[in-house]
Amino acid sequence: MDTADGRPGVPLQPRITVLSAGQGVPIQGAEVDVWHCDALGYYSGHLAHEPDRLPR
């Protein structure tokens, strides 16, 4: 999925392993949500909102 909205940046290719807290073994099928913004604080899909102000 391309979340860049046509803005410049460096591709992010995370490799994440979710481990159980008790035994430290990988949890198969775990889902992870990753939120990120650009260098100015804008999130993809929300470029109309200023990062330091709540939308009205």
PDB file of N, CA and C in Angstrom:
ATOM      1  N   MET A   1       0.850  -1.175   0.000  1.00  0.00           N
ATOM      2  CA  MET A   1       0.000   0.000   0.000  1.00  0.00           C
ATOM      3  C   MET A   1       0.895   1.238   0.000  1.00  0.00           C
ATOM      4  N   ASP A   2       0.595   2.183  -0.890  1.00  0.00           N
ATOM      5  CA  ASP A   2       1.350   3.431  -0.960  1.00  0.00           C
ATOM      6  C   ASP A   2       0.634   4.481  -0.121  1.00  0.00           C
ATOM      7  N   THR A   3       1.242   4.910   0.949  1.00  0.00           N
ATOM      8  CA  THR A   3       0.641   5.925   1.825  1.00  0.00           C
ATOM      9  C   THR A   3       1.342   7.269   1.706  1.00  0.00           C
ATOM     10  N   ALA A   4       2.167   7.438   0.664  1.00  0.00           N
ATOM     11  CA  ALA A   4       2.963   8.659   0.533  1.00  0.00           C
ATOM     12  C   ALA A   4       2.151   9.854   0.059  1.00  0.00           C
ATOM     13  N   ASP A   5       1.007   9.633  -0.563  1.00  0.00           N
ATOM     14  CA  ASP A   5       0.197  10.740  -1.093  1.00  0.00           C
ATOM     15  C   ASP A   5       1.010  11.643  -2.017  1.00  0.00           C
ATOM     16  N   GLY A   6       1.966  11.059  -2.743  1.00  0.00           N
ATOM     17  CA  GLY A   6       2.760  11.824  -3.684  1.00  0.00           C
ATOM     18  C   GLY A   6       3.839  12.690  -3.055  1.00  0.00           C
ATOM     19  N   ARG A   7       4.055  12.549  -1.760  1.00  0.00           N
ATOM     20  CA  ARG A   7       5.044  13.371  -1.068  1.00  0.00           C
ATOM     21  C   ARG A   7       6.399  12.653  -1.067  1.00  0.00           C
ATOM     22  N   PRO A   8       7.507  13.425  -0.997  1.00  0.00           N
ATOM     23  CA  PRO A   8       8.836  12.798  -0.999  1.00  0.00           C
ATOM     24  C   PRO A   8       9.107  12.082   0.322  1.00  0.00           C
ATOM     25  N   GLY A   9      10.026  11.160   0.269  1.00  0.00           N
ATOM     26  CA  GLY A   9      10.412  10.463   1.490  1.00  0.00           C
ATOM     27  C   GLY A   9      11.249   9.244   1.182  1.00  0.00           C
ATOM     28  N   VAL A  10      11.531   8.487   2.202  1.00  0.00           N
ATOM     29  CA  VAL A  10      12.326   7.272   2.092  1.00  0.00           C
ATOM     30  C   VAL A  10      11.402   6.094   2.360  1.00  0.00           C
ATOM     31  N   PRO A  11      11.412   5.073   1.485  1.00  0.00           N
ATOM     32  CA  PRO A  11      10.549   3.906   1.713  1.00  0.00           C
ATOM     33  C   PRO A  11      10.854   3.234   3.058  1.00  0.00           C
ATOM     34  N   LEU A  12       9.817   2.821   3.731  1.00  0.00           N
ATOM     35  CA  LEU A  12       9.934   2.132   5.017  1.00  0.00           C
ATOM     36  C   LEU A  12       9.568   0.672   4.805  1.00  0.00           C
ATOM     37  N   GLN A  13      10.457  -0.216   5.186  1.00  0.00           N
ATOM     38  CA  GLN A  13      10.210  -1.646   5.060  1.00  0.00           C
ATOM     39  C   GLN A  13      10.444  -2.315   6.415  1.00  0.00           C
ATOM     40  N   PRO A  14       9.483  -2.146   7.337  1.00  0.00           N
ATOM     41  CA  PRO A  14       9.686  -2.701   8.688  1.00  0.00           C
ATOM     42  C   PRO A  14       9.606  -4.222   8.704  1.00  0.00           C
ATOM     43  N   ARG A  15      10.351  -4.812   9.593  1.00  0.00           N
ATOM     44  CA  ARG A  15      10.275  -6.250   9.864  1.00  0.00           C
ATOM     45  C   ARG A  15       9.980  -6.363  11.355  1.00  0.00           C
ATOM     46  N   ILE A  16       8.797  -6.834  11.674  1.00  0.00           N
ATOM     47  CA  ILE A  16       8.332  -6.849  13.057  1.00  0.00           C
ATOM     48  C   ILE A  16       8.013  -8.273  13.474  1.00  0.00           C
ATOM     49  N   THR A  17       8.469  -8.650  14.644  1.00  0.00           N
ATOM     50  CA  THR A  17       8.121  -9.934  15.235  1.00  0.00           C
ATOM     51  C   THR A  17       7.445  -9.658  16.570  1.00  0.00           C
ATOM     52  N   VAL A  18       6.230 -10.169  16.741  1.00  0.00           N
ATOM     53  CA  VAL A  18       5.513 -10.006  18.003  1.00  0.00           C
ATOM     54  C   VAL A  18       5.795 -11.242  18.852  1.00  0.00           C
ATOM     55  N   LEU A  19       6.304 -10.998  20.063  1.00  0.00           N
ATOM     56  CA  LEU A  19       6.650 -12.088  20.971  1.00  0.00           C
ATOM     57  C   LEU A  19       5.697 -12.127  22.151  1.00  0.00           C
ATOM     58  N   SER A  20       5.435 -13.332  22.657  1.00  0.00           N
ATOM     59  CA  SER A  20       4.622 -13.449  23.864  1.00  0.00           C
ATOM     60  C   SER A  20       5.422 -12.918  25.049  1.00  0.00           C
ATOM     61  N   ALA A  21       4.745 -12.252  25.968  1.00  0.00           N
ATOM     62  CA  ALA A  21       5.423 -11.664  27.124  1.00  0.00           C
ATOM     63  C   ALA A  21       5.942 -12.736  28.073  1.00  0.00           C
ATOM     64  N   GLY A  22       5.225 -13.837  28.178  1.00  0.00           N
ATOM     65  CA  GLY A  22       5.596 -14.861  29.144  1.00  0.00           C
ATOM     66  C   GLY A  22       6.768 -15.724  28.720  1.00  0.00           C
ATOM     67  N   GLN A  23       6.758 -16.167  27.455  1.00  0.00           N
ATOM     68  CA  GLN A  23       7.779 -17.119  27.028  1.00  0.00           C
ATOM     69  C   GLN A  23       8.708 -16.582  25.950  1.00  0.00           C
ATOM     70  N   GLY A  24       8.385 -15.408  25.408  1.00  0.00           N
ATOM     71  CA  GLY A  24       9.262 -14.813  24.411  1.00  0.00           C
ATOM     72  C   GLY A  24       9.283 -15.536  23.079  1.00  0.00           C
ATOM     73  N   VAL A  25       8.217 -16.263  22.783  1.00  0.00           N
ATOM     74  CA  VAL A  25       8.145 -16.966  21.499  1.00  0.00           C
ATOM     75  C   VAL A  25       7.264 -16.172  20.537  1.00  0.00           C
ATOM     76  N   PRO A  26       7.538 -16.267  19.239  1.00  0.00           N
ATOM     77  CA  PRO A  26       6.747 -15.524  18.260  1.00  0.00           C
ATOM     78  C   PRO A  26       5.269 -15.906  18.301  1.00  0.00           C
ATOM     79  N   ILE A  27       4.407 -14.905  18.127  1.00  0.00           N
ATOM     80  CA  ILE A  27       2.965 -15.127  18.054  1.00  0.00           C
ATOM     81  C   ILE A  27       2.581 -15.113  16.580  1.00  0.00           C
ATOM     82  N   GLN A  28       2.254 -16.264  16.046  1.00  0.00           N
ATOM     83  CA  GLN A  28       1.888 -16.389  14.646  1.00  0.00           C
ATOM     84  C   GLN A  28       0.570 -15.664  14.363  1.00  0.00           C
ATOM     85  N   GLY A  29       0.492 -14.939  13.242  1.00  0.00           N
ATOM     86  CA  GLY A  29      -0.745 -14.282  12.834  1.00  0.00           C
ATOM     87  C   GLY A  29      -1.063 -13.001  13.583  1.00  0.00           C
ATOM     88  N   ALA A  30      -0.147 -12.503  14.412  1.00  0.00           N
ATOM     89  CA  ALA A  30      -0.394 -11.251  15.135  1.00  0.00           C
ATOM     90  C   ALA A  30      -0.510 -10.108  14.133  1.00  0.00           C
ATOM     91  N   GLU A  31      -1.389  -9.159  14.409  1.00  0.00           N
ATOM     92  CA  GLU A  31      -1.542  -7.985  13.553  1.00  0.00           C
ATOM     93  C   GLU A  31      -0.958  -6.767  14.250  1.00  0.00           C
ATOM     94  N   VAL A  32      -0.259  -5.941  13.493  1.00  0.00           N
ATOM     95  CA  VAL A  32       0.391  -4.748  14.028  1.00  0.00           C
ATOM     96  C   VAL A  32      -0.032  -3.555  13.187  1.00  0.00           C
ATOM     97  N   ASP A  33      -0.538  -2.505  13.817  1.00  0.00           N
ATOM     98  CA  ASP A  33      -0.855  -1.251  13.138  1.00  0.00           C
ATOM     99  C   ASP A  33       0.321  -0.308  13.325  1.00  0.00           C
ATOM    100  N   VAL A  34       0.777   0.302  12.234  1.00  0.00           N
ATOM    101  CA  VAL A  34       1.894   1.237  12.286  1.00  0.00           C
ATOM    102  C   VAL A  34       1.399   2.587  11.789  1.00  0.00           C
ATOM    103  N   TRP A  35       1.559   3.612  12.608  1.00  0.00           N
ATOM    104  CA  TRP A  35       1.202   4.981  12.228  1.00  0.00           C
ATOM    105  C   TRP A  35       2.483   5.763  12.049  1.00  0.00           C
ATOM    106  N   HIS A  36       2.528   6.559  11.013  1.00  0.00           N
ATOM    107  CA  HIS A  36       3.708   7.384  10.788  1.00  0.00           C
ATOM    108  C   HIS A  36       3.293   8.684  10.126  1.00  0.00           C
ATOM    109  N   CYS A  37       4.143   9.673  10.223  1.00  0.00           N
ATOM    110  CA  CYS A  37       3.884  10.969   9.586  1.00  0.00           C
ATOM    111  C   CYS A  37       5.137  11.394   8.844  1.00  0.00           C
ATOM    112  N   ASP A  38       4.999  12.462   8.053  1.00  0.00           N
ATOM    113  CA  ASP A  38       6.170  12.982   7.355  1.00  0.00           C
ATOM    114  C   ASP A  38       6.981  13.869   8.302  1.00  0.00           C
ATOM    115  N   ALA A  39       8.040  14.457   7.783  1.00  0.00           N
ATOM    116  CA  ALA A  39       8.934  15.269   8.612  1.00  0.00           C
ATOM    117  C   ALA A  39       8.247  16.501   9.192  1.00  0.00           C
ATOM    118  N   LEU A  40       7.128  16.920   8.594  1.00  0.00           N
ATOM    119  CA  LEU A  40       6.406  18.091   9.090  1.00  0.00           C
ATOM    120  C   LEU A  40       5.254  17.721  10.019  1.00  0.00           C
ATOM    121  N   GLY A  41       5.034  16.427  10.237  1.00  0.00           N
ATOM    122  CA  GLY A  41       3.979  15.992  11.144  1.00  0.00           C
ATOM    123  C   GLY A  41       2.658  15.663  10.476  1.00  0.00           C
ATOM    124  N   TYR A  42       2.623  15.630   9.140  1.00  0.00           N
ATOM    125  CA  TYR A  42       1.392  15.315   8.427  1.00  0.00           C
ATOM    126  C   TYR A  42       1.267  13.809   8.201  1.00  0.00           C
ATOM    127  N   TYR A  43       0.070  13.271   8.461  1.00  0.00           N
ATOM    128  CA  TYR A  43      -0.221  11.868   8.213  1.00  0.00           C
ATOM    129  C   TYR A  43      -0.852  11.718   6.844  1.00  0.00           C
ATOM    130  N   SER A  44      -0.574  10.610   6.143  1.00  0.00           N
ATOM    131  CA  SER A  44      -1.173  10.387   4.832  1.00  0.00           C
ATOM    132  C   SER A  44      -2.689  10.365   4.973  1.00  0.00           C
ATOM    133  N   GLY A  45      -3.364  10.957   4.009  1.00  0.00           N
ATOM    134  CA  GLY A  45      -4.813  11.022   4.049  1.00  0.00           C
ATOM    135  C   GLY A  45      -5.346  12.187   4.847  1.00  0.00           C
ATOM    136  N   HIS A  46      -4.474  12.928   5.525  1.00  0.00           N
ATOM    137  CA  HIS A  46      -4.904  14.041   6.376  1.00  0.00           C
ATOM    138  C   HIS A  46      -4.067  15.288   6.109  1.00  0.00           C
ATOM    139  N   LEU A  47      -3.704  15.503   4.859  1.00  0.00           N
ATOM    140  CA  LEU A  47      -2.828  16.624   4.533  1.00  0.00           C
ATOM    141  C   LEU A  47      -3.513  17.971   4.690  1.00  0.00           C
ATOM    142  N   ALA A  48      -4.846  17.991   4.746  1.00  0.00           N
ATOM    143  CA  ALA A  48      -5.564  19.261   4.872  1.00  0.00           C
ATOM    144  C   ALA A  48      -5.515  19.797   6.306  1.00  0.00           C
ATOM    145  N   HIS A  49      -5.144  18.986   7.278  1.00  0.00           N
ATOM    146  CA  HIS A  49      -5.108  19.387   8.680  1.00  0.00           C
ATOM    147  C   HIS A  49      -3.697  19.755   9.097  1.00  0.00           C
ATOM    148  N   GLU A  50      -3.576  20.829   9.853  1.00  0.00           N
ATOM    149  CA  GLU A  50      -2.270  21.209  10.381  1.00  0.00           C
ATOM    150  C   GLU A  50      -1.928  20.284  11.544  1.00  0.00           C
ATOM    151  N   PRO A  51      -0.692  19.776  11.612  1.00  0.00           N
ATOM    152  CA  PRO A  51      -0.328  18.812  12.640  1.00  0.00           C
ATOM    153  C   PRO A  51      -0.517  19.305  14.071  1.00  0.00           C
ATOM    154  N   ASP A  52      -0.332  20.602  14.297  1.00  0.00           N
ATOM    155  CA  ASP A  52      -0.404  21.138  15.661  1.00  0.00           C
ATOM    156  C   ASP A  52      -1.784  21.644  16.042  1.00  0.00           C
ATOM    157  N   ARG A  53      -2.803  21.440  15.187  1.00  0.00           N
ATOM    158  CA  ARG A  53      -4.155  21.908  15.473  1.00  0.00           C
ATOM    159  C   ARG A  53      -5.147  20.780  15.237  1.00  0.00           C
ATOM    160  N   LEU A  54      -6.106  20.672  16.123  1.00  0.00           N
ATOM    161  CA  LEU A  54      -7.168  19.678  15.953  1.00  0.00           C
ATOM    162  C   LEU A  54      -8.129  20.143  14.860  1.00  0.00           C
ATOM    163  N   PRO A  55      -8.599  19.222  13.992  1.00  0.00           N
ATOM    164  CA  PRO A  55      -9.582  19.635  12.986  1.00  0.00           C
ATOM    165  C   PRO A  55     -10.884  20.053  13.638  1.00  0.00           C
ATOM    166  N   ARG A  56     -11.566  21.033  13.048  1.00  0.00           N
ATOM    167  CA  ARG A  56     -12.832  21.504  13.596  1.00  0.00           C
ATOM    168  C   ARG A  56     -13.985  20.738  13.013  1.00  0.00           C
TER     169      ARG A  56
END
